[in-house]
Amino acid sequence: MTTTHPTYTQARIDSAVTPYLVYPSIIGALGTGIALTALLVKDTSGDTGLAPLLGWIGMLPSLAGLLAVTLLWMSAARRLPLMPVLLALAAAIVLAACAPAGGDPADAAPVEASEVVAKDNRFDPVAVEVPAGTTVTWRFEDGGTPHDVTGDGWRSGEPQRSGSFAHTFDRSGTYPYRCTLHAGMDGRVVVTGS
């Protein structure tokens, strides 16, 4: 007994295969973007949404799927001219999810103030300007979230959940500082001549 199989034209095969490549590409890119967002976005306590190791492990299926679809695209590249466009779109989604939020304190214009508040995992204002001999006071008002203030050669000591810390700046210059507990929680004191 002989079995015959239908024959299909290349155009019909391509039209059937294209959705199976496009949809997984989009789903893989979105899954990777969502996983990166969950891994990198900080919650109100200053912690990332997931523990870093757990987040990277959670991304493995998305990355493996994205790699598999990319390999399928590469094998069909000569027939599917949309591949570069869709891969660029997937890369843009992943890169957008990786982009850091917030500004760099080096770019912030300093505000004439001698008091800084540590709240919502940031310093407000980010940059202050004071004359030499001024004491700058940091107030810790972030509820149960501890913070510290650490500059080059000076620091507030143990992390604090409330209270304040003060430091006197006697010489003109720019003094960057940071919270050692929260990445990206940076500030700057600009001291002008007296």
N, C-alpha and C. Protein backbone atom coordinates (compact mmCIF):
# COMPACT_ATOMS: atom_id res chain seq x y z
N MET A 1 0.84 -1.17 0.00
CA MET A 1 0.00 0.00 0.00
C MET A 1 0.89 1.24 0.00
N THR A 2 0.64 2.11 -0.89
CA THR A 2 1.44 3.32 -1.04
C THR A 2 0.67 4.51 -0.48
N THR A 3 1.39 5.30 0.34
CA THR A 3 0.78 6.51 0.91
C THR A 3 1.31 7.71 0.15
N THR A 4 0.40 8.57 -0.24
CA THR A 4 0.84 9.80 -0.91
C THR A 4 0.63 10.98 0.03
N HIS A 5 1.56 11.87 0.01
CA HIS A 5 1.49 13.06 0.85
C HIS A 5 1.25 14.27 -0.05
N PRO A 6 0.50 15.21 0.45
CA PRO A 6 0.27 16.39 -0.39
C PRO A 6 1.57 17.18 -0.57
N THR A 7 1.66 17.85 -1.66
CA THR A 7 2.81 18.71 -1.91
C THR A 7 2.36 20.16 -1.76
N TYR A 8 3.24 20.96 -1.18
CA TYR A 8 2.92 22.37 -0.95
C TYR A 8 3.97 23.23 -1.63
N THR A 9 3.54 24.38 -2.09
CA THR A 9 4.49 25.31 -2.69
C THR A 9 5.29 25.99 -1.58
N GLN A 10 6.44 26.53 -1.94
CA GLN A 10 7.28 27.21 -0.96
C GLN A 10 6.55 28.42 -0.37
N ALA A 11 5.77 29.12 -1.16
CA ALA A 11 5.03 30.29 -0.66
C ALA A 11 4.02 29.87 0.40
N ARG A 12 3.36 28.74 0.20
CA ARG A 12 2.38 28.27 1.19
C ARG A 12 3.08 27.83 2.48
N ILE A 13 4.23 27.20 2.36
CA ILE A 13 5.00 26.80 3.54
C ILE A 13 5.46 28.04 4.31
N ASP A 14 5.97 29.03 3.58
CA ASP A 14 6.42 30.26 4.23
C ASP A 14 5.28 30.96 4.95
N SER A 15 4.12 31.02 4.31
CA SER A 15 2.98 31.71 4.95
C SER A 15 2.50 30.95 6.18
N ALA A 16 2.69 29.65 6.22
CA ALA A 16 2.30 28.88 7.41
C ALA A 16 3.35 28.98 8.52
N VAL A 17 4.61 29.08 8.16
CA VAL A 17 5.70 29.10 9.14
C VAL A 17 5.85 30.48 9.77
N THR A 18 5.62 31.53 9.02
CA THR A 18 5.85 32.88 9.51
C THR A 18 5.15 33.17 10.84
N PRO A 19 3.86 32.88 11.01
CA PRO A 19 3.24 33.17 12.32
C PRO A 19 3.89 32.39 13.46
N TYR A 20 4.38 31.20 13.19
CA TYR A 20 5.01 30.41 14.25
C TYR A 20 6.38 30.96 14.64
N LEU A 21 6.94 31.80 13.82
CA LEU A 21 8.17 32.48 14.17
C LEU A 21 7.92 33.86 14.76
N VAL A 22 6.93 34.57 14.24
CA VAL A 22 6.64 35.92 14.71
C VAL A 22 6.09 35.89 16.13
N TYR A 23 5.08 35.07 16.39
CA TYR A 23 4.47 35.06 17.72
C TYR A 23 5.44 34.66 18.82
N PRO A 24 6.20 33.57 18.65
CA PRO A 24 7.19 33.26 19.71
C PRO A 24 8.25 34.34 19.88
N SER A 25 8.60 35.03 18.78
CA SER A 25 9.57 36.12 18.90
C SER A 25 9.03 37.22 19.79
N ILE A 26 7.81 37.61 19.56
CA ILE A 26 7.18 38.67 20.35
C ILE A 26 7.00 38.21 21.79
N ILE A 27 6.52 37.00 21.99
CA ILE A 27 6.31 36.49 23.34
C ILE A 27 7.64 36.36 24.08
N GLY A 28 8.68 35.88 23.39
CA GLY A 28 9.99 35.76 24.02
C GLY A 28 10.55 37.11 24.41
N ALA A 29 10.41 38.11 23.54
CA ALA A 29 10.91 39.45 23.85
C ALA A 29 10.14 40.05 25.02
N LEU A 30 8.82 39.91 25.01
CA LEU A 30 8.02 40.43 26.12
C LEU A 30 8.34 39.70 27.43
N GLY A 31 8.49 38.39 27.36
CA GLY A 31 8.82 37.62 28.56
C GLY A 31 10.16 38.03 29.14
N THR A 32 11.14 38.23 28.25
CA THR A 32 12.45 38.67 28.71
C THR A 32 12.36 40.07 29.32
N GLY A 33 11.61 40.96 28.67
CA GLY A 33 11.43 42.31 29.20
C GLY A 33 10.76 42.31 30.56
N ILE A 34 9.73 41.50 30.72
CA ILE A 34 9.02 41.41 32.01
C ILE A 34 9.94 40.83 33.07
N ALA A 35 10.69 39.80 32.71
CA ALA A 35 11.61 39.19 33.68
C ALA A 35 12.69 40.18 34.10
N LEU A 36 13.23 40.94 33.15
CA LEU A 36 14.23 41.94 33.50
C LEU A 36 13.64 43.04 34.38
N THR A 37 12.41 43.43 34.08
CA THR A 37 11.76 44.44 34.91
C THR A 37 11.59 43.94 36.33
N ALA A 38 11.13 42.70 36.48
CA ALA A 38 10.97 42.14 37.83
C ALA A 38 12.30 42.02 38.54
N LEU A 39 13.35 41.81 37.78
CA LEU A 39 14.68 41.66 38.37
C LEU A 39 15.29 43.00 38.77
N LEU A 40 15.04 44.05 37.99
CA LEU A 40 15.76 45.31 38.17
C LEU A 40 14.99 46.41 38.88
N VAL A 41 13.65 46.36 38.86
CA VAL A 41 12.87 47.43 39.47
C VAL A 41 12.88 47.30 40.98
N LYS A 42 13.06 48.42 41.64
CA LYS A 42 13.10 48.41 43.10
C LYS A 42 11.71 48.71 43.65
N ASP A 43 11.38 48.07 44.75
CA ASP A 43 10.12 48.37 45.40
C ASP A 43 10.33 49.52 46.39
N THR A 44 9.29 49.85 47.15
CA THR A 44 9.37 51.02 48.03
C THR A 44 10.37 50.82 49.17
N SER A 45 10.76 49.60 49.46
CA SER A 45 11.75 49.39 50.51
C SER A 45 13.18 49.53 49.97
N GLY A 46 13.31 49.68 48.66
CA GLY A 46 14.63 49.81 48.07
C GLY A 46 15.20 48.50 47.59
N ASP A 47 14.50 47.41 47.84
CA ASP A 47 14.96 46.11 47.37
C ASP A 47 14.43 45.86 45.97
N THR A 48 15.15 45.05 45.20
CA THR A 48 14.65 44.69 43.89
C THR A 48 13.47 43.76 44.06
N GLY A 49 12.64 43.68 43.00
CA GLY A 49 11.43 42.87 43.07
C GLY A 49 11.70 41.41 43.38
N LEU A 50 12.79 40.90 42.90
CA LEU A 50 13.17 39.51 43.16
C LEU A 50 14.60 39.48 43.67
N ALA A 51 14.92 38.47 44.42
CA ALA A 51 16.31 38.27 44.80
C ALA A 51 17.12 38.09 43.51
N PRO A 52 18.29 38.71 43.40
CA PRO A 52 19.02 38.67 42.12
C PRO A 52 19.23 37.27 41.56
N LEU A 53 19.64 36.32 42.36
CA LEU A 53 19.87 34.98 41.84
C LEU A 53 18.57 34.36 41.33
N LEU A 54 17.50 34.52 42.09
CA LEU A 54 16.20 33.99 41.67
C LEU A 54 15.74 34.66 40.38
N GLY A 55 15.98 35.97 40.27
CA GLY A 55 15.58 36.68 39.06
C GLY A 55 16.31 36.19 37.84
N TRP A 56 17.62 36.00 37.94
CA TRP A 56 18.38 35.52 36.78
C TRP A 56 17.99 34.10 36.44
N ILE A 57 17.75 33.27 37.43
CA ILE A 57 17.30 31.90 37.16
C ILE A 57 15.95 31.92 36.46
N GLY A 58 15.07 32.82 36.91
CA GLY A 58 13.75 32.95 36.29
C GLY A 58 13.81 33.41 34.84
N MET A 59 14.88 34.10 34.48
CA MET A 59 15.02 34.56 33.10
C MET A 59 15.51 33.48 32.15
N LEU A 60 16.09 32.41 32.66
CA LEU A 60 16.66 31.39 31.79
C LEU A 60 15.67 30.84 30.75
N PRO A 61 14.42 30.49 31.14
CA PRO A 61 13.51 29.99 30.09
C PRO A 61 13.22 31.03 29.01
N SER A 62 13.06 32.29 29.40
CA SER A 62 12.81 33.33 28.40
C SER A 62 13.99 33.48 27.47
N LEU A 63 15.19 33.48 28.03
CA LEU A 63 16.38 33.63 27.19
C LEU A 63 16.58 32.42 26.29
N ALA A 64 16.32 31.22 26.83
CA ALA A 64 16.45 30.01 26.00
C ALA A 64 15.43 30.03 24.86
N GLY A 65 14.20 30.44 25.17
CA GLY A 65 13.17 30.54 24.13
C GLY A 65 13.53 31.57 23.08
N LEU A 66 14.04 32.70 23.53
CA LEU A 66 14.44 33.75 22.60
C LEU A 66 15.59 33.26 21.71
N LEU A 67 16.53 32.52 22.28
CA LEU A 67 17.62 31.96 21.49
C LEU A 67 17.10 30.95 20.47
N ALA A 68 16.18 30.09 20.89
CA ALA A 68 15.64 29.09 19.97
C ALA A 68 14.91 29.75 18.80
N VAL A 69 14.11 30.77 19.10
CA VAL A 69 13.38 31.46 18.03
C VAL A 69 14.37 32.18 17.12
N THR A 70 15.41 32.77 17.70
CA THR A 70 16.43 33.45 16.88
C THR A 70 17.09 32.46 15.92
N LEU A 71 17.40 31.27 16.43
CA LEU A 71 18.00 30.26 15.55
C LEU A 71 17.04 29.84 14.44
N LEU A 72 15.76 29.73 14.77
CA LEU A 72 14.77 29.42 13.73
C LEU A 72 14.73 30.53 12.69
N TRP A 73 14.75 31.78 13.18
CA TRP A 73 14.74 32.90 12.25
C TRP A 73 15.96 32.84 11.34
N MET A 74 17.11 32.51 11.91
CA MET A 74 18.32 32.49 11.10
C MET A 74 18.23 31.44 10.00
N SER A 75 17.61 30.30 10.29
CA SER A 75 17.49 29.26 9.26
C SER A 75 16.48 29.66 8.19
N ALA A 76 15.53 30.51 8.55
CA ALA A 76 14.52 30.92 7.59
C ALA A 76 14.80 32.32 7.05
N ALA A 77 15.95 32.89 7.37
CA ALA A 77 16.24 34.28 7.04
C ALA A 77 16.16 34.56 5.54
N ARG A 78 16.57 33.63 4.75
CA ARG A 78 16.57 33.90 3.31
C ARG A 78 15.15 34.00 2.76
N ARG A 79 14.18 33.45 3.49
CA ARG A 79 12.79 33.51 3.04
C ARG A 79 11.99 34.58 3.76
N LEU A 80 12.46 35.06 4.90
CA LEU A 80 11.66 35.97 5.71
C LEU A 80 12.38 37.31 5.90
N PRO A 81 12.04 38.29 5.07
CA PRO A 81 12.75 39.57 5.15
C PRO A 81 12.41 40.39 6.40
N LEU A 82 11.43 40.01 7.18
CA LEU A 82 11.07 40.77 8.38
C LEU A 82 11.97 40.45 9.57
N MET A 83 12.79 39.42 9.47
CA MET A 83 13.59 39.00 10.61
C MET A 83 14.42 40.13 11.23
N PRO A 84 15.18 40.90 10.46
CA PRO A 84 15.98 41.96 11.09
C PRO A 84 15.12 42.98 11.85
N VAL A 85 13.96 43.29 11.31
CA VAL A 85 13.08 44.27 11.96
C VAL A 85 12.57 43.71 13.28
N LEU A 86 12.12 42.47 13.28
CA LEU A 86 11.58 41.88 14.51
C LEU A 86 12.66 41.65 15.55
N LEU A 87 13.86 41.25 15.13
CA LEU A 87 14.96 41.09 16.07
C LEU A 87 15.36 42.43 16.67
N ALA A 88 15.34 43.49 15.85
CA ALA A 88 15.64 44.83 16.37
C ALA A 88 14.58 45.26 17.38
N LEU A 89 13.32 44.94 17.11
CA LEU A 89 12.24 45.25 18.05
C LEU A 89 12.43 44.49 19.36
N ALA A 90 12.76 43.21 19.27
CA ALA A 90 12.99 42.42 20.49
C ALA A 90 14.16 42.98 21.27
N ALA A 91 15.24 43.36 20.59
CA ALA A 91 16.40 43.94 21.27
C ALA A 91 16.04 45.26 21.94
N ALA A 92 15.21 46.07 21.27
CA ALA A 92 14.80 47.36 21.85
C ALA A 92 13.98 47.15 23.12
N ILE A 93 13.11 46.14 23.12
CA ILE A 93 12.30 45.85 24.30
C ILE A 93 13.19 45.42 25.46
N VAL A 94 14.13 44.54 25.19
CA VAL A 94 15.03 44.06 26.24
C VAL A 94 15.89 45.21 26.77
N LEU A 95 16.44 46.04 25.89
CA LEU A 95 17.26 47.16 26.32
C LEU A 95 16.46 48.19 27.11
N ALA A 96 15.20 48.41 26.70
CA ALA A 96 14.36 49.35 27.45
C ALA A 96 14.11 48.84 28.86
N ALA A 97 13.96 47.54 29.00
CA ALA A 97 13.74 46.97 30.34
C ALA A 97 14.99 47.09 31.19
N CYS A 98 16.16 47.13 30.56
CA CYS A 98 17.42 47.23 31.30
C CYS A 98 17.81 48.66 31.62
N ALA A 99 17.16 49.64 31.03
CA ALA A 99 17.56 51.03 31.21
C ALA A 99 17.36 51.45 32.66
N PRO A 100 18.36 52.12 33.24
CA PRO A 100 18.21 52.56 34.62
C PRO A 100 17.21 53.69 34.73
N ALA A 101 16.49 53.71 35.83
CA ALA A 101 15.55 54.78 36.08
C ALA A 101 16.23 55.87 36.89
N GLY A 102 15.69 57.07 36.76
CA GLY A 102 16.20 58.16 37.58
C GLY A 102 17.40 58.83 36.95
N GLY A 103 17.76 59.97 37.52
CA GLY A 103 18.86 60.74 36.97
C GLY A 103 20.14 60.53 37.76
N ASP A 104 21.22 60.95 37.16
CA ASP A 104 22.52 60.87 37.80
C ASP A 104 22.70 62.12 38.65
N PRO A 105 23.10 61.97 39.94
CA PRO A 105 23.27 63.15 40.77
C PRO A 105 24.33 64.10 40.23
N ALA A 106 25.25 63.61 39.41
CA ALA A 106 26.26 64.48 38.82
C ALA A 106 25.62 65.48 37.87
N ASP A 107 24.43 65.15 37.34
CA ASP A 107 23.74 66.03 36.41
C ASP A 107 22.79 67.01 37.10
N ALA A 108 22.46 66.77 38.34
CA ALA A 108 21.48 67.60 39.03
C ALA A 108 22.08 68.96 39.39
N ALA A 109 21.30 70.00 39.16
CA ALA A 109 21.73 71.34 39.56
C ALA A 109 21.63 71.44 41.08
N PRO A 110 22.67 71.93 41.75
CA PRO A 110 22.62 72.01 43.21
C PRO A 110 21.62 73.06 43.68
N VAL A 111 20.99 72.77 44.80
CA VAL A 111 20.00 73.66 45.42
C VAL A 111 20.66 74.25 46.66
N GLU A 112 20.44 75.54 46.90
CA GLU A 112 20.98 76.16 48.11
C GLU A 112 20.17 75.69 49.31
N ALA A 113 20.73 74.73 50.04
CA ALA A 113 20.06 74.15 51.20
C ALA A 113 21.11 73.49 52.07
N SER A 114 20.81 73.39 53.36
CA SER A 114 21.73 72.72 54.27
C SER A 114 21.08 71.51 54.92
N GLU A 115 19.95 71.09 54.39
CA GLU A 115 19.26 69.92 54.92
C GLU A 115 18.87 68.99 53.78
N VAL A 116 19.13 67.71 53.96
CA VAL A 116 18.81 66.68 52.97
C VAL A 116 17.96 65.62 53.65
N VAL A 117 16.94 65.16 52.98
CA VAL A 117 16.06 64.12 53.52
C VAL A 117 16.30 62.81 52.77
N ALA A 118 16.51 61.73 53.51
CA ALA A 118 16.62 60.39 52.92
C ALA A 118 15.23 59.76 53.01
N LYS A 119 14.56 59.65 51.88
CA LYS A 119 13.20 59.13 51.85
C LYS A 119 12.93 58.54 50.47
N ASP A 120 12.15 57.48 50.42
CA ASP A 120 11.81 56.80 49.16
C ASP A 120 13.06 56.36 48.42
N ASN A 121 14.07 55.93 49.19
CA ASN A 121 15.33 55.44 48.64
C ASN A 121 16.02 56.43 47.73
N ARG A 122 15.95 57.69 48.12
CA ARG A 122 16.70 58.72 47.42
C ARG A 122 16.96 59.87 48.37
N PHE A 123 17.92 60.70 48.02
CA PHE A 123 18.22 61.89 48.80
C PHE A 123 17.50 63.07 48.14
N ASP A 124 16.87 63.91 48.95
CA ASP A 124 16.14 65.05 48.43
C ASP A 124 16.50 66.29 49.23
N PRO A 125 17.10 67.28 48.60
CA PRO A 125 17.53 67.32 47.20
C PRO A 125 18.77 66.46 46.97
N VAL A 126 18.95 66.08 45.71
CA VAL A 126 20.06 65.21 45.35
C VAL A 126 21.39 65.95 45.48
N ALA A 127 21.40 67.23 45.12
CA ALA A 127 22.62 68.04 45.18
C ALA A 127 22.31 69.34 45.91
N VAL A 128 23.15 69.67 46.90
CA VAL A 128 22.99 70.92 47.64
C VAL A 128 24.25 71.75 47.50
N GLU A 129 24.08 73.06 47.61
CA GLU A 129 25.21 73.99 47.56
C GLU A 129 25.20 74.81 48.83
N VAL A 130 26.37 74.85 49.51
CA VAL A 130 26.49 75.59 50.77
C VAL A 130 27.83 76.32 50.78
N PRO A 131 27.91 77.42 51.56
CA PRO A 131 29.21 78.07 51.72
C PRO A 131 30.10 77.26 52.67
N ALA A 132 31.41 77.42 52.52
CA ALA A 132 32.36 76.71 53.39
C ALA A 132 32.05 77.04 54.85
N GLY A 133 32.20 76.05 55.72
CA GLY A 133 31.92 76.21 57.14
C GLY A 133 30.49 75.85 57.52
N THR A 134 29.68 75.45 56.55
CA THR A 134 28.28 75.11 56.81
C THR A 134 28.15 73.66 57.24
N THR A 135 27.23 73.42 58.16
CA THR A 135 26.91 72.06 58.57
C THR A 135 25.69 71.60 57.78
N VAL A 136 25.83 70.51 57.07
CA VAL A 136 24.71 69.91 56.34
C VAL A 136 24.14 68.79 57.19
N THR A 137 22.82 68.76 57.30
CA THR A 137 22.13 67.76 58.11
C THR A 137 21.31 66.84 57.21
N TRP A 138 21.46 65.53 57.41
CA TRP A 138 20.65 64.54 56.70
C TRP A 138 19.63 63.99 57.69
N ARG A 139 18.36 64.00 57.32
CA ARG A 139 17.29 63.43 58.14
C ARG A 139 16.84 62.12 57.49
N PHE A 140 16.69 61.09 58.32
CA PHE A 140 16.27 59.77 57.83
C PHE A 140 14.78 59.61 58.08
N GLU A 141 13.98 59.68 57.00
CA GLU A 141 12.52 59.66 57.12
C GLU A 141 11.91 58.63 56.17
N ASP A 142 12.50 57.46 56.09
CA ASP A 142 12.01 56.45 55.15
C ASP A 142 11.35 55.28 55.87
N GLY A 143 10.63 55.58 56.96
CA GLY A 143 9.93 54.53 57.68
C GLY A 143 10.87 53.48 58.22
N GLY A 144 10.63 52.24 57.88
CA GLY A 144 11.44 51.14 58.38
C GLY A 144 12.67 50.86 57.55
N THR A 145 12.91 51.64 56.51
CA THR A 145 14.05 51.39 55.64
C THR A 145 15.27 52.12 56.17
N PRO A 146 16.34 51.40 56.51
CA PRO A 146 17.54 52.06 57.03
C PRO A 146 18.38 52.66 55.90
N HIS A 147 19.09 53.74 56.25
CA HIS A 147 20.00 54.39 55.31
C HIS A 147 21.24 54.84 56.06
N ASP A 148 22.30 55.12 55.31
CA ASP A 148 23.47 55.78 55.87
C ASP A 148 23.95 56.80 54.85
N VAL A 149 24.92 57.61 55.25
CA VAL A 149 25.51 58.61 54.37
C VAL A 149 27.01 58.39 54.43
N THR A 150 27.63 58.11 53.28
CA THR A 150 29.05 57.83 53.24
C THR A 150 29.71 58.65 52.13
N GLY A 151 30.67 59.47 52.53
CA GLY A 151 31.46 60.25 51.59
C GLY A 151 32.92 59.83 51.70
N ASP A 152 33.79 60.54 51.00
CA ASP A 152 35.21 60.22 51.03
C ASP A 152 35.81 60.75 52.33
N GLY A 153 36.06 59.87 53.29
CA GLY A 153 36.65 60.26 54.56
C GLY A 153 35.66 60.65 55.64
N TRP A 154 34.36 60.51 55.39
CA TRP A 154 33.36 60.81 56.41
C TRP A 154 32.14 59.92 56.19
N ARG A 155 31.46 59.61 57.28
CA ARG A 155 30.26 58.76 57.17
C ARG A 155 29.38 58.93 58.39
N SER A 156 28.15 58.53 58.25
CA SER A 156 27.17 58.68 59.34
C SER A 156 27.24 57.57 60.36
N GLY A 157 27.98 56.52 60.08
CA GLY A 157 28.05 55.39 61.01
C GLY A 157 27.07 54.30 60.61
N GLU A 158 26.53 53.64 61.60
CA GLU A 158 25.59 52.54 61.35
C GLU A 158 24.33 53.05 60.62
N PRO A 159 23.73 52.23 59.76
CA PRO A 159 22.50 52.63 59.09
C PRO A 159 21.41 53.00 60.10
N GLN A 160 20.62 54.02 59.74
CA GLN A 160 19.57 54.53 60.63
C GLN A 160 18.22 54.46 59.95
N ARG A 161 17.20 54.14 60.74
CA ARG A 161 15.81 54.14 60.24
C ARG A 161 15.13 55.48 60.51
N SER A 162 15.66 56.22 61.47
CA SER A 162 15.12 57.54 61.80
C SER A 162 16.25 58.35 62.42
N GLY A 163 15.97 59.60 62.71
CA GLY A 163 16.98 60.45 63.31
C GLY A 163 17.69 61.28 62.25
N SER A 164 18.91 61.73 62.57
CA SER A 164 19.63 62.60 61.65
C SER A 164 21.14 62.41 61.81
N PHE A 165 21.85 62.98 60.87
CA PHE A 165 23.31 62.98 60.87
C PHE A 165 23.74 64.34 60.33
N ALA A 166 24.79 64.92 60.89
CA ALA A 166 25.28 66.22 60.44
C ALA A 166 26.78 66.15 60.20
N HIS A 167 27.22 66.90 59.18
CA HIS A 167 28.65 66.98 58.87
C HIS A 167 28.96 68.41 58.43
N THR A 168 30.05 68.96 58.93
CA THR A 168 30.46 70.32 58.58
C THR A 168 31.50 70.26 57.46
N PHE A 169 31.28 71.06 56.43
CA PHE A 169 32.19 71.14 55.28
C PHE A 169 32.97 72.43 55.37
N ASP A 170 34.26 72.35 55.69
CA ASP A 170 35.10 73.53 55.90
C ASP A 170 35.79 74.04 54.64
N ARG A 171 35.98 73.18 53.66
CA ARG A 171 36.71 73.58 52.46
C ARG A 171 35.80 73.54 51.23
N SER A 172 36.07 74.45 50.30
CA SER A 172 35.28 74.45 49.07
C SER A 172 35.64 73.23 48.23
N GLY A 173 34.69 72.79 47.44
CA GLY A 173 34.87 71.61 46.60
C GLY A 173 33.55 70.88 46.41
N THR A 174 33.61 69.78 45.70
CA THR A 174 32.42 68.95 45.47
C THR A 174 32.61 67.64 46.22
N TYR A 175 31.63 67.28 47.03
CA TYR A 175 31.70 66.11 47.89
C TYR A 175 30.57 65.13 47.54
N PRO A 176 30.85 64.13 46.71
CA PRO A 176 29.83 63.12 46.44
C PRO A 176 29.65 62.20 47.65
N TYR A 177 28.45 61.70 47.82
CA TYR A 177 28.17 60.75 48.90
C TYR A 177 27.12 59.76 48.42
N ARG A 178 26.93 58.71 49.21
CA ARG A 178 25.98 57.66 48.82
C ARG A 178 25.46 56.94 50.05
N CYS A 179 24.40 56.19 49.85
CA CYS A 179 23.92 55.25 50.84
C CYS A 179 24.53 53.91 50.45
N THR A 180 25.26 53.29 51.38
CA THR A 180 25.94 52.04 51.04
C THR A 180 24.98 50.86 50.95
N LEU A 181 23.74 51.05 51.39
CA LEU A 181 22.77 49.95 51.37
C LEU A 181 21.96 49.89 50.08
N HIS A 182 21.87 51.00 49.36
CA HIS A 182 20.98 51.06 48.21
C HIS A 182 21.71 51.61 46.99
N ALA A 183 21.95 50.74 46.02
CA ALA A 183 22.63 51.15 44.79
C ALA A 183 21.83 52.25 44.11
N GLY A 184 22.53 53.26 43.64
CA GLY A 184 21.87 54.36 42.94
C GLY A 184 21.37 55.46 43.85
N MET A 185 21.48 55.27 45.16
CA MET A 185 21.06 56.31 46.12
C MET A 185 22.29 57.17 46.39
N ASP A 186 22.50 58.16 45.53
CA ASP A 186 23.69 58.99 45.58
C ASP A 186 23.29 60.45 45.72
N GLY A 187 24.21 61.26 46.22
CA GLY A 187 24.00 62.69 46.33
C GLY A 187 25.31 63.44 46.23
N ARG A 188 25.22 64.76 46.38
CA ARG A 188 26.41 65.58 46.20
C ARG A 188 26.24 66.88 46.98
N VAL A 189 27.33 67.28 47.65
CA VAL A 189 27.38 68.57 48.33
C VAL A 189 28.43 69.42 47.61
N VAL A 190 28.01 70.59 47.15
CA VAL A 190 28.92 71.53 46.50
C VAL A 190 29.19 72.64 47.50
N VAL A 191 30.45 72.79 47.89
CA VAL A 191 30.83 73.79 48.89
C VAL A 191 31.55 74.93 48.18
N THR A 192 31.01 76.14 48.34
CA THR A 192 31.59 77.32 47.70
C THR A 192 32.50 78.03 48.70
N GLY A 193 33.31 78.98 48.22
CA GLY A 193 34.17 79.74 49.11
C GLY A 193 33.36 80.48 50.15
N SER A 194 33.94 80.70 51.33
CA SER A 194 33.19 81.32 52.43
C SER A 194 32.89 82.78 52.19
